[in-house]
């Protein structure tokens, strides 16, 4: 299972802090995972708008769209963080 964690406004918009997702052949990369989640429609499509800035970490390391996602990975999605 892939564990997906949502932070900040994503958690509030989606109404969940995390979920478990069984691996599916369509998901090989971070970009594939985000597209898969967006395809759920509704709040998922609204929260994961193409072109919106989104930070992703795989196993607690910042990831790029082409980063591989595998069974047992933990993937965190969160908005960009700014300092003050």
PDB file of N, CA and C in Angstrom:
ATOM      1  N   UNK A   1       0.835  -1.190   0.000  1.00  0.00           N
ATOM      2  CA  UNK A   1       0.000   0.000   0.000  1.00  0.00           C
ATOM      3  C   UNK A   1       0.876   1.248   0.000  1.00  0.00           C
ATOM      4  N   UNK A   2       0.420   2.255  -0.708  1.00  0.00           N
ATOM      5  CA  UNK A   2       1.077   3.555  -0.697  1.00  0.00           C
ATOM      6  C   UNK A   2       0.340   4.408   0.330  1.00  0.00           C
ATOM      7  N   UNK A   3       1.069   4.972   1.269  1.00  0.00           N
ATOM      8  CA  UNK A   3       0.443   5.858   2.260  1.00  0.00           C
ATOM      9  C   UNK A   3       0.570   7.286   1.747  1.00  0.00           C
ATOM     10  N   UNK A   4      -0.554   7.966   1.631  1.00  0.00           N
ATOM     11  CA  UNK A   4      -0.576   9.345   1.156  1.00  0.00           C
ATOM     12  C   UNK A   4      -0.998  10.226   2.314  1.00  0.00           C
ATOM     13  N   UNK A   5      -0.204  11.269   2.562  1.00  0.00           N
ATOM     14  CA  UNK A   5      -0.500  12.206   3.648  1.00  0.00           C
ATOM     15  C   UNK A   5      -0.736  13.589   3.052  1.00  0.00           C
ATOM     16  N   UNK A   6      -1.749  14.272   3.576  1.00  0.00           N
ATOM     17  CA  UNK A   6      -2.120  15.599   3.092  1.00  0.00           C
ATOM     18  C   UNK A   6      -1.918  16.612   4.204  1.00  0.00           C
ATOM     19  N   UNK A   7      -1.382  17.779   3.863  1.00  0.00           N
ATOM     20  CA  UNK A   7      -1.090  18.800   4.855  1.00  0.00           C
ATOM     21  C   UNK A   7      -1.713  20.143   4.484  1.00  0.00           C
ATOM     22  N   UNK A   8      -1.874  20.981   5.504  1.00  0.00           N
ATOM     23  CA  UNK A   8      -2.364  22.359   5.371  1.00  0.00           C
ATOM     24  C   UNK A   8      -3.731  22.384   4.679  1.00  0.00           C
ATOM     25  N   UNK A   9      -3.891  23.295   3.715  1.00  0.00           N
ATOM     26  CA  UNK A   9      -5.220  23.457   3.101  1.00  0.00           C
ATOM     27  C   UNK A   9      -5.649  22.216   2.331  1.00  0.00           C
ATOM     28  N   UNK A  10      -4.713  21.397   1.878  1.00  0.00           N
ATOM     29  CA  UNK A  10      -5.108  20.163   1.190  1.00  0.00           C
ATOM     30  C   UNK A  10      -5.878  19.252   2.137  1.00  0.00           C
ATOM     31  N   UNK A  11      -5.383  19.113   3.347  1.00  0.00           N
ATOM     32  CA  UNK A  11      -6.060  18.268   4.337  1.00  0.00           C
ATOM     33  C   UNK A  11      -7.462  18.804   4.610  1.00  0.00           C
ATOM     34  N   UNK A  12      -7.582  20.116   4.737  1.00  0.00           N
ATOM     35  CA  UNK A  12      -8.884  20.713   5.026  1.00  0.00           C
ATOM     36  C   UNK A  12      -9.837  20.578   3.829  1.00  0.00           C
ATOM     37  N   UNK A  13      -9.345  20.843   2.645  1.00  0.00           N
ATOM     38  CA  UNK A  13     -10.188  20.773   1.448  1.00  0.00           C
ATOM     39  C   UNK A  13     -10.643  19.348   1.156  1.00  0.00           C
ATOM     40  N   UNK A  14      -9.725  18.400   1.304  1.00  0.00           N
ATOM     41  CA  UNK A  14     -10.032  17.007   0.984  1.00  0.00           C
ATOM     42  C   UNK A  14     -10.752  16.287   2.118  1.00  0.00           C
ATOM     43  N   UNK A  15     -10.697  16.865   3.308  1.00  0.00           N
ATOM     44  CA  UNK A  15     -11.397  16.266   4.441  1.00  0.00           C
ATOM     45  C   UNK A  15     -10.725  15.019   4.993  1.00  0.00           C
ATOM     46  N   UNK A  16      -9.432  14.883   4.735  1.00  0.00           N
ATOM     47  CA  UNK A  16      -8.695  13.733   5.253  1.00  0.00           C
ATOM     48  C   UNK A  16      -7.227  14.102   5.433  1.00  0.00           C
ATOM     49  N   UNK A  17      -6.600  13.518   6.424  1.00  0.00           N
ATOM     50  CA  UNK A  17      -5.178  13.757   6.671  1.00  0.00           C
ATOM     51  C   UNK A  17      -4.306  12.737   5.952  1.00  0.00           C
ATOM     52  N   UNK A  18      -4.852  11.545   5.744  1.00  0.00           N
ATOM     53  CA  UNK A  18      -4.082  10.528   5.048  1.00  0.00           C
ATOM     54  C   UNK A  18      -4.985   9.418   4.536  1.00  0.00           C
ATOM     55  N   UNK A  19      -4.415   8.604   3.680  1.00  0.00           N
ATOM     56  CA  UNK A  19      -5.141   7.453   3.142  1.00  0.00           C
ATOM     57  C   UNK A  19      -4.135   6.416   2.687  1.00  0.00           C
ATOM     58  N   UNK A  20      -4.622   5.210   2.512  1.00  0.00           N
ATOM     59  CA  UNK A  20      -3.838   4.115   1.967  1.00  0.00           C
ATOM     60  C   UNK A  20      -4.375   3.830   0.566  1.00  0.00           C
ATOM     61  N   UNK A  21      -3.462   3.671  -0.385  1.00  0.00           N
ATOM     62  CA  UNK A  21      -3.864   3.421  -1.762  1.00  0.00           C
ATOM     63  C   UNK A  21      -3.130   2.178  -2.262  1.00  0.00           C
ATOM     64  N   UNK A  22      -3.895   1.212  -2.716  1.00  0.00           N
ATOM     65  CA  UNK A  22      -3.278   0.022  -3.300  1.00  0.00           C
ATOM     66  C   UNK A  22      -2.579   0.430  -4.594  1.00  0.00           C
ATOM     67  N   UNK A  23      -1.392  -0.088  -4.830  1.00  0.00           N
ATOM     68  CA  UNK A  23      -0.692   0.256  -6.068  1.00  0.00           C
ATOM     69  C   UNK A  23      -1.534  -0.110  -7.291  1.00  0.00           C
ATOM     70  N   UNK A  24      -1.523   0.764  -8.275  1.00  0.00           N
ATOM     71  CA  UNK A  24      -2.205   0.509  -9.535  1.00  0.00           C
ATOM     72  C   UNK A  24      -1.194   0.739 -10.665  1.00  0.00           C
ATOM     73  N   UNK A  25      -1.328   0.011 -11.755  1.00  0.00           N
ATOM     74  CA  UNK A  25      -0.346   0.112 -12.838  1.00  0.00           C
ATOM     75  C   UNK A  25      -0.168   1.528 -13.390  1.00  0.00           C
ATOM     76  N   UNK A  26      -1.214   2.344 -13.322  1.00  0.00           N
ATOM     77  CA  UNK A  26      -1.139   3.701 -13.875  1.00  0.00           C
ATOM     78  C   UNK A  26      -0.244   4.625 -13.060  1.00  0.00           C
ATOM     79  N   UNK A  27       0.121   4.236 -11.856  1.00  0.00           N
ATOM     80  CA  UNK A  27       0.911   5.112 -10.982  1.00  0.00           C
ATOM     81  C   UNK A  27       2.345   4.599 -10.900  1.00  0.00           C
ATOM     82  N   UNK A  28       3.242   5.290 -11.611  1.00  0.00           N
ATOM     83  CA  UNK A  28       4.659   4.947 -11.570  1.00  0.00           C
ATOM     84  C   UNK A  28       5.485   6.089 -10.986  1.00  0.00           C
ATOM     85  N   UNK A  29       4.958   7.319 -11.089  1.00  0.00           N
ATOM     86  CA  UNK A  29       5.692   8.501 -10.651  1.00  0.00           C
ATOM     87  C   UNK A  29       4.798   9.408  -9.805  1.00  0.00           C
ATOM     88  N   UNK A  30       5.422  10.416  -9.217  1.00  0.00           N
ATOM     89  CA  UNK A  30       4.667  11.413  -8.456  1.00  0.00           C
ATOM     90  C   UNK A  30       3.625  12.079  -9.365  1.00  0.00           C
ATOM     91  N   UNK A  31       4.014  12.438 -10.572  1.00  0.00           N
ATOM     92  CA  UNK A  31       3.073  13.077 -11.499  1.00  0.00           C
ATOM     93  C   UNK A  31       1.885  12.159 -11.785  1.00  0.00           C
ATOM     94  N   UNK A  32       2.145  10.875 -11.947  1.00  0.00           N
ATOM     95  CA  UNK A  32       1.065   9.915 -12.182  1.00  0.00           C
ATOM     96  C   UNK A  32       0.117   9.862 -10.988  1.00  0.00           C
ATOM     97  N   UNK A  33       0.686   9.874  -9.790  1.00  0.00           N
ATOM     98  CA  UNK A  33      -0.136   9.807  -8.577  1.00  0.00           C
ATOM     99  C   UNK A  33      -1.032  11.033  -8.471  1.00  0.00           C
ATOM    100  N   UNK A  34      -0.481  12.212  -8.685  1.00  0.00           N
ATOM    101  CA  UNK A  34      -1.277  13.442  -8.588  1.00  0.00           C
ATOM    102  C   UNK A  34      -2.379  13.424  -9.654  1.00  0.00           C
ATOM    103  N   UNK A  35      -2.059  12.987 -10.869  1.00  0.00           N
ATOM    104  CA  UNK A  35      -3.071  12.903 -11.932  1.00  0.00           C
ATOM    105  C   UNK A  35      -4.165  11.904 -11.562  1.00  0.00           C
ATOM    106  N   UNK A  36      -3.786  10.784 -10.973  1.00  0.00           N
ATOM    107  CA  UNK A  36      -4.745   9.761 -10.551  1.00  0.00           C
ATOM    108  C   UNK A  36      -5.697  10.327  -9.496  1.00  0.00           C
ATOM    109  N   UNK A  37      -5.135  11.036  -8.522  1.00  0.00           N
ATOM    110  CA  UNK A  37      -5.968  11.631  -7.474  1.00  0.00           C
ATOM    111  C   UNK A  37      -6.879  12.709  -8.055  1.00  0.00           C
ATOM    112  N   UNK A  38      -6.341  13.547  -8.946  1.00  0.00           N
ATOM    113  CA  UNK A  38      -7.122  14.613  -9.570  1.00  0.00           C
ATOM    114  C   UNK A  38      -8.298  14.037 -10.351  1.00  0.00           C
ATOM    115  N   UNK A  39      -8.100  12.881 -10.980  1.00  0.00           N
ATOM    116  CA  UNK A  39      -9.133  12.260 -11.805  1.00  0.00           C
ATOM    117  C   UNK A  39     -10.339  11.800 -10.986  1.00  0.00           C
ATOM    118  N   UNK A  40     -10.217  11.801  -9.658  1.00  0.00           N
ATOM    119  CA  UNK A  40     -11.373  11.471  -8.820  1.00  0.00           C
ATOM    120  C   UNK A  40     -12.472  12.513  -8.968  1.00  0.00           C
ATOM    121  N   UNK A  41     -12.094  13.704  -9.426  1.00  0.00           N
ATOM    122  CA  UNK A  41     -13.063  14.783  -9.630  1.00  0.00           C
ATOM    123  C   UNK A  41     -13.428  15.489  -8.343  1.00  0.00           C
ATOM    124  N   UNK A  42     -14.438  16.340  -8.393  1.00  0.00           N
ATOM    125  CA  UNK A  42     -14.921  17.059  -7.207  1.00  0.00           C
ATOM    126  C   UNK A  42     -13.825  17.838  -6.508  1.00  0.00           C
ATOM    127  N   UNK A  43     -13.770  17.698  -5.174  1.00  0.00           N
ATOM    128  CA  UNK A  43     -12.779  18.445  -4.394  1.00  0.00           C
ATOM    129  C   UNK A  43     -11.355  18.050  -4.761  1.00  0.00           C
ATOM    130  N   UNK A  44     -11.167  16.825  -5.239  1.00  0.00           N
ATOM    131  CA  UNK A  44      -9.827  16.374  -5.636  1.00  0.00           C
ATOM    132  C   UNK A  44      -9.335  17.191  -6.821  1.00  0.00           C
ATOM    133  N   UNK A  45     -10.186  17.383  -7.801  1.00  0.00           N
ATOM    134  CA  UNK A  45      -9.813  18.174  -8.971  1.00  0.00           C
ATOM    135  C   UNK A  45      -9.598  19.635  -8.594  1.00  0.00           C
ATOM    136  N   UNK A  46     -10.389  20.135  -7.648  1.00  0.00           N
ATOM    137  CA  UNK A  46     -10.238  21.521  -7.202  1.00  0.00           C
ATOM    138  C   UNK A  46      -8.953  21.725  -6.411  1.00  0.00           C
ATOM    139  N   UNK A  47      -8.608  20.782  -5.560  1.00  0.00           N
ATOM    140  CA  UNK A  47      -7.429  20.919  -4.701  1.00  0.00           C
ATOM    141  C   UNK A  47      -6.126  20.672  -5.446  1.00  0.00           C
ATOM    142  N   UNK A  48      -6.177  19.853  -6.485  1.00  0.00           N
ATOM    143  CA  UNK A  48      -4.961  19.467  -7.205  1.00  0.00           C
ATOM    144  C   UNK A  48      -4.986  19.994  -8.638  1.00  0.00           C
ATOM    145  N   UNK A  49      -5.258  21.278  -8.771  1.00  0.00           N
ATOM    146  CA  UNK A  49      -5.375  21.936 -10.070  1.00  0.00           C
ATOM    147  C   UNK A  49      -4.033  21.877 -10.811  1.00  0.00           C
ATOM    148  N   UNK A  50      -4.055  21.469 -12.080  1.00  0.00           N
ATOM    149  CA  UNK A  50      -2.803  21.471 -12.845  1.00  0.00           C
ATOM    150  C   UNK A  50      -2.179  22.860 -12.865  1.00  0.00           C
ATOM    151  N   UNK A  51      -0.878  22.930 -12.705  1.00  0.00           N
ATOM    152  CA  UNK A  51      -0.176  24.208 -12.721  1.00  0.00           C
ATOM    153  C   UNK A  51      -0.061  24.876 -11.359  1.00  0.00           C
ATOM    154  N   UNK A  52      -0.880  24.471 -10.393  1.00  0.00           N
ATOM    155  CA  UNK A  52      -0.777  25.011  -9.036  1.00  0.00           C
ATOM    156  C   UNK A  52       0.504  24.487  -8.397  1.00  0.00           C
ATOM    157  N   UNK A  53       1.122  25.328  -7.601  1.00  0.00           N
ATOM    158  CA  UNK A  53       2.333  24.895  -6.906  1.00  0.00           C
ATOM    159  C   UNK A  53       1.959  23.849  -5.860  1.00  0.00           C
ATOM    160  N   UNK A  54       2.696  22.769  -5.868  1.00  0.00           N
ATOM    161  CA  UNK A  54       2.457  21.675  -4.947  1.00  0.00           C
ATOM    162  C   UNK A  54       3.800  21.048  -4.612  1.00  0.00           C
ATOM    163  N   UNK A  55       4.065  20.876  -3.342  1.00  0.00           N
ATOM    164  CA  UNK A  55       5.288  20.214  -2.905  1.00  0.00           C
ATOM    165  C   UNK A  55       4.931  18.759  -2.604  1.00  0.00           C
ATOM    166  N   UNK A  56       5.860  17.868  -2.925  1.00  0.00           N
ATOM    167  CA  UNK A  56       5.651  16.451  -2.679  1.00  0.00           C
ATOM    168  C   UNK A  56       6.931  15.874  -2.087  1.00  0.00           C
ATOM    169  N   UNK A  57       6.760  15.038  -1.093  1.00  0.00           N
ATOM    170  CA  UNK A  57       7.892  14.305  -0.527  1.00  0.00           C
ATOM    171  C   UNK A  57       7.576  12.819  -0.602  1.00  0.00           C
ATOM    172  N   UNK A  58       8.559  12.043  -0.988  1.00  0.00           N
ATOM    173  CA  UNK A  58       8.433  10.590  -0.998  1.00  0.00           C
ATOM    174  C   UNK A  58       9.402  10.063   0.053  1.00  0.00           C
ATOM    175  N   UNK A  59       8.851   9.368   1.019  1.00  0.00           N
ATOM    176  CA  UNK A  59       9.647   8.845   2.133  1.00  0.00           C
ATOM    177  C   UNK A  59      10.462   9.951   2.805  1.00  0.00           C
ATOM    178  N   UNK A  60       9.810  11.090   2.996  1.00  0.00           N
ATOM    179  CA  UNK A  60      10.328  12.249   3.713  1.00  0.00           C
ATOM    180  C   UNK A  60      11.483  12.953   3.002  1.00  0.00           C
ATOM    181  N   UNK A  61      11.582  12.758   1.678  1.00  0.00           N
ATOM    182  CA  UNK A  61      12.558  13.483   0.868  1.00  0.00           C
ATOM    183  C   UNK A  61      11.811  14.194  -0.247  1.00  0.00           C
ATOM    184  N   UNK A  62      12.117  15.492  -0.444  1.00  0.00           N
ATOM    185  CA  UNK A  62      11.438  16.236  -1.494  1.00  0.00           C
ATOM    186  C   UNK A  62      11.573  15.502  -2.821  1.00  0.00           C
ATOM    187  N   UNK A  63      10.482  15.508  -3.564  1.00  0.00           N
ATOM    188  CA  UNK A  63      10.429  14.742  -4.803  1.00  0.00           C
ATOM    189  C   UNK A  63      10.050  15.647  -5.971  1.00  0.00           C
ATOM    190  N   UNK A  64      10.404  15.181  -7.148  1.00  0.00           N
ATOM    191  CA  UNK A  64      10.051  15.863  -8.391  1.00  0.00           C
ATOM    192  C   UNK A  64       8.942  15.059  -9.082  1.00  0.00           C
ATOM    193  N   UNK A  65       8.300  15.633 -10.084  1.00  0.00           N
ATOM    194  CA  UNK A  65       7.223  14.908 -10.768  1.00  0.00           C
ATOM    195  C   UNK A  65       7.651  13.540 -11.304  1.00  0.00           C
ATOM    196  N   UNK A  66       8.894  13.410 -11.701  1.00  0.00           N
ATOM    197  CA  UNK A  66       9.360  12.147 -12.274  1.00  0.00           C
ATOM    198  C   UNK A  66       9.864  11.135 -11.231  1.00  0.00           C
ATOM    199  N   UNK A  67       9.835  11.511  -9.948  1.00  0.00           N
ATOM    200  CA  UNK A  67      10.248  10.592  -8.885  1.00  0.00           C
ATOM    201  C   UNK A  67       9.349   9.367  -8.874  1.00  0.00           C
ATOM    202  N   UNK A  68       9.949   8.203  -8.786  1.00  0.00           N
ATOM    203  CA  UNK A  68       9.207   6.936  -8.769  1.00  0.00           C
ATOM    204  C   UNK A  68       8.422   6.790  -7.468  1.00  0.00           C
ATOM    205  N   UNK A  69       7.239   6.188  -7.575  1.00  0.00           N
ATOM    206  CA  UNK A  69       6.406   5.863  -6.411  1.00  0.00           C
ATOM    207  C   UNK A  69       6.203   4.352  -6.425  1.00  0.00           C
ATOM    208  N   UNK A  70       6.512   3.733  -5.293  1.00  0.00           N
ATOM    209  CA  UNK A  70       6.424   2.276  -5.212  1.00  0.00           C
ATOM    210  C   UNK A  70       5.539   1.855  -4.041  1.00  0.00           C
ATOM    211  N   UNK A  71       5.132   0.615  -4.081  1.00  0.00           N
ATOM    212  CA  UNK A  71       4.401   0.022  -2.968  1.00  0.00           C
ATOM    213  C   UNK A  71       5.222   0.212  -1.694  1.00  0.00           C
ATOM    214  N   UNK A  72       4.582   0.527  -0.602  1.00  0.00           N
ATOM    215  CA  UNK A  72       5.139   0.790   0.738  1.00  0.00           C
ATOM    216  C   UNK A  72       5.714   2.195   0.898  1.00  0.00           C
ATOM    217  N   UNK A  73       5.724   3.016  -0.164  1.00  0.00           N
ATOM    218  CA  UNK A  73       6.200   4.393  -0.021  1.00  0.00           C
ATOM    219  C   UNK A  73       5.193   5.235   0.750  1.00  0.00           C
ATOM    220  N   UNK A  74       5.716   6.273   1.398  1.00  0.00           N
ATOM    221  CA  UNK A  74       4.885   7.294   2.009  1.00  0.00           C
ATOM    222  C   UNK A  74       5.051   8.552   1.160  1.00  0.00           C
ATOM    223  N   UNK A  75       3.936   9.088   0.680  1.00  0.00           N
ATOM    224  CA  UNK A  75       3.953  10.275  -0.151  1.00  0.00           C
ATOM    225  C   UNK A  75       3.193  11.376   0.570  1.00  0.00           C
ATOM    226  N   UNK A  76       3.862  12.517   0.762  1.00  0.00           N
ATOM    227  CA  UNK A  76       3.233  13.659   1.429  1.00  0.00           C
ATOM    228  C   UNK A  76       3.011  14.762   0.405  1.00  0.00           C
ATOM    229  N   UNK A  77       1.810  15.346   0.403  1.00  0.00           N
ATOM    230  CA  UNK A  77       1.487  16.452  -0.486  1.00  0.00           C
ATOM    231  C   UNK A  77       1.182  17.670   0.375  1.00  0.00           C
ATOM    232  N   UNK A  78       1.798  18.805   0.022  1.00  0.00           N
ATOM    233  CA  UNK A  78       1.598  20.018   0.805  1.00  0.00           C
ATOM    234  C   UNK A  78       1.885  21.245  -0.063  1.00  0.00           C
ATOM    235  N   UNK A  79       1.292  22.384   0.306  1.00  0.00           N
ATOM    236  CA  UNK A  79       1.550  23.611  -0.437  1.00  0.00           C
ATOM    237  C   UNK A  79       2.969  24.097  -0.138  1.00  0.00           C
ATOM    238  N   UNK A  80       3.527  24.923  -1.020  1.00  0.00           N
ATOM    239  CA  UNK A  80       4.862  25.469  -0.754  1.00  0.00           C
ATOM    240  C   UNK A  80       4.898  26.195   0.578  1.00  0.00           C
ATOM    241  N   UNK A  81       6.013  26.095   1.249  1.00  0.00           N
ATOM    242  CA  UNK A  81       6.187  26.716   2.552  1.00  0.00           C
ATOM    243  C   UNK A  81       6.970  27.991   2.387  1.00  0.00           C
ATOM    244  N   UNK A  82       6.503  29.058   3.030  1.00  0.00           N
ATOM    245  CA  UNK A  82       7.243  30.317   2.997  1.00  0.00           C
ATOM    246  C   UNK A  82       7.660  30.687   4.405  1.00  0.00           C
ATOM    247  N   UNK A  83       8.761  31.347   4.482  1.00  0.00           N
ATOM    248  CA  UNK A  83       9.265  31.762   5.796  1.00  0.00           C
ATOM    249  C   UNK A  83       8.973  33.217   6.054  1.00  0.00           C
ATOM    250  N   UNK A  84       9.169  33.618   7.284  1.00  0.00           N
ATOM    251  CA  UNK A  84       8.886  35.016   7.596  1.00  0.00           C
ATOM    252  C   UNK A  84       9.842  35.627   8.529  1.00  0.00           C
TER     253      UNK A  84
END
